[in-house]
């Protein structure tokens, strides 16, 4: 997989919390608003969104909808991104 930001890839429940945060730290308030305040804890590096929602009794679909809406509005190629097979549909 490419190292560049894959802006067109939707956020899914099997993604690690930190992978989502690293895509854009501006999405952190969405986690906080949904009761997930553990962004700095060690589990954020190893726990998927689905696992976190299950542990905290959260609605995974609501979280995914909010995250995907956020990324749909803010998505932009990484600085200096020239496209690659991982994120440029034209190269696949």
Protein backbone atom coordinates (compact mmCIF):
# COMPACT_ATOMS: atom_id res chain seq x y z
CA UNK A 1 0.00 0.00 0.00
CA UNK A 2 1.13 3.54 -0.64
CA UNK A 3 2.52 5.84 2.06
CA UNK A 4 0.49 8.80 0.76
CA UNK A 5 -2.87 9.91 2.07
CA UNK A 6 -5.68 8.05 0.32
CA UNK A 7 -8.31 10.75 0.42
CA UNK A 8 -10.81 8.80 -1.66
CA UNK A 9 -10.68 5.69 0.54
CA UNK A 10 -13.70 5.63 2.86
CA UNK A 11 -13.30 5.23 6.60
CA UNK A 12 -14.38 1.73 7.64
CA UNK A 13 -14.86 -0.02 10.96
CA UNK A 14 -11.81 -2.22 10.47
CA UNK A 15 -9.43 0.77 10.36
CA UNK A 16 -7.21 1.50 13.36
CA UNK A 17 -8.10 4.63 15.33
CA UNK A 18 -4.61 6.07 14.85
CA UNK A 19 -4.69 5.48 11.09
CA UNK A 20 -7.79 7.66 10.90
CA UNK A 21 -6.33 10.35 13.18
CA UNK A 22 -3.08 10.38 11.21
CA UNK A 23 -5.01 10.96 8.00
CA UNK A 24 -6.17 14.29 9.45
CA UNK A 25 -5.93 15.27 13.11
CA UNK A 26 -8.78 17.70 12.55
CA UNK A 27 -11.21 14.77 12.86
CA UNK A 28 -10.38 14.36 16.59
CA UNK A 29 -13.43 16.40 17.73
CA UNK A 30 -15.66 13.81 16.06
CA UNK A 31 -14.18 11.12 18.30
CA UNK A 32 -14.57 13.34 21.37
CA UNK A 33 -18.20 14.21 20.51
CA UNK A 34 -18.97 10.49 20.30
CA UNK A 35 -17.45 9.73 23.70
CA UNK A 36 -14.15 8.32 22.45
CA UNK A 37 -11.58 10.29 24.44
CA UNK A 38 -8.81 7.71 24.20
CA UNK A 39 -6.95 9.11 21.20
CA UNK A 40 -3.73 9.37 23.17
CA UNK A 41 -3.95 5.98 24.84
CA UNK A 42 -1.94 2.96 23.71
CA UNK A 43 -5.10 1.17 22.54
CA UNK A 44 -5.63 3.78 19.83
CA UNK A 45 -2.64 2.30 18.02
CA UNK A 46 -4.01 -1.25 18.06
CA UNK A 47 -7.80 -0.92 18.26
CA UNK A 48 -10.12 -0.63 15.30
CA UNK A 49 -12.99 1.81 15.18
CA UNK A 50 -15.40 -1.11 15.44
CA UNK A 51 -13.64 -2.52 18.51
CA UNK A 52 -13.58 0.88 20.22
CA UNK A 53 -17.28 1.41 19.57
CA UNK A 54 -18.11 -2.06 20.90
CA UNK A 55 -16.09 -1.53 24.10
CA UNK A 56 -17.64 1.89 24.71
CA UNK A 57 -21.19 0.98 23.63
CA UNK A 58 -21.08 3.43 20.74
CA UNK A 59 -22.96 3.36 17.42
CA UNK A 60 -20.33 2.46 14.79
CA UNK A 61 -22.56 3.53 11.89
CA UNK A 62 -23.04 7.01 13.37
CA UNK A 63 -19.28 7.42 13.88
CA UNK A 64 -18.47 6.19 10.36
CA UNK A 65 -21.07 8.51 8.83
CA UNK A 66 -19.62 11.51 10.64
CA UNK A 67 -16.01 10.63 9.82
CA UNK A 68 -16.75 9.98 6.15
CA UNK A 69 -18.71 13.22 5.90
CA UNK A 70 -15.74 15.08 7.43
CA UNK A 71 -13.24 13.50 5.05
CA UNK A 72 -15.49 14.07 2.02
CA UNK A 73 -15.38 17.79 2.76
CA UNK A 74 -11.71 18.06 3.73
CA UNK A 75 -10.12 15.52 1.39
CA UNK A 76 -7.15 16.82 -0.53
CA UNK A 77 -4.00 15.21 -1.89
CA UNK A 78 -0.97 15.27 0.38
CA UNK A 79 1.54 18.04 -0.33
CA UNK A 80 3.76 17.00 -3.18
CA UNK A 81 1.64 13.95 -4.03
CA UNK A 82 2.18 13.01 -7.66
CA UNK A 83 -0.28 10.15 -7.55
CA UNK A 84 0.51 6.47 -7.28
CA UNK A 85 -1.06 3.09 -7.86
CA UNK A 86 -2.33 3.15 -4.26
CA UNK A 87 -4.38 6.33 -4.50
CA UNK A 88 -4.72 7.36 -8.14
CA UNK A 89 -7.57 5.39 -9.74
CA UNK A 90 -6.11 6.20 -13.16
CA UNK A 91 -2.96 4.23 -12.32
CA UNK A 92 -4.68 1.03 -11.23
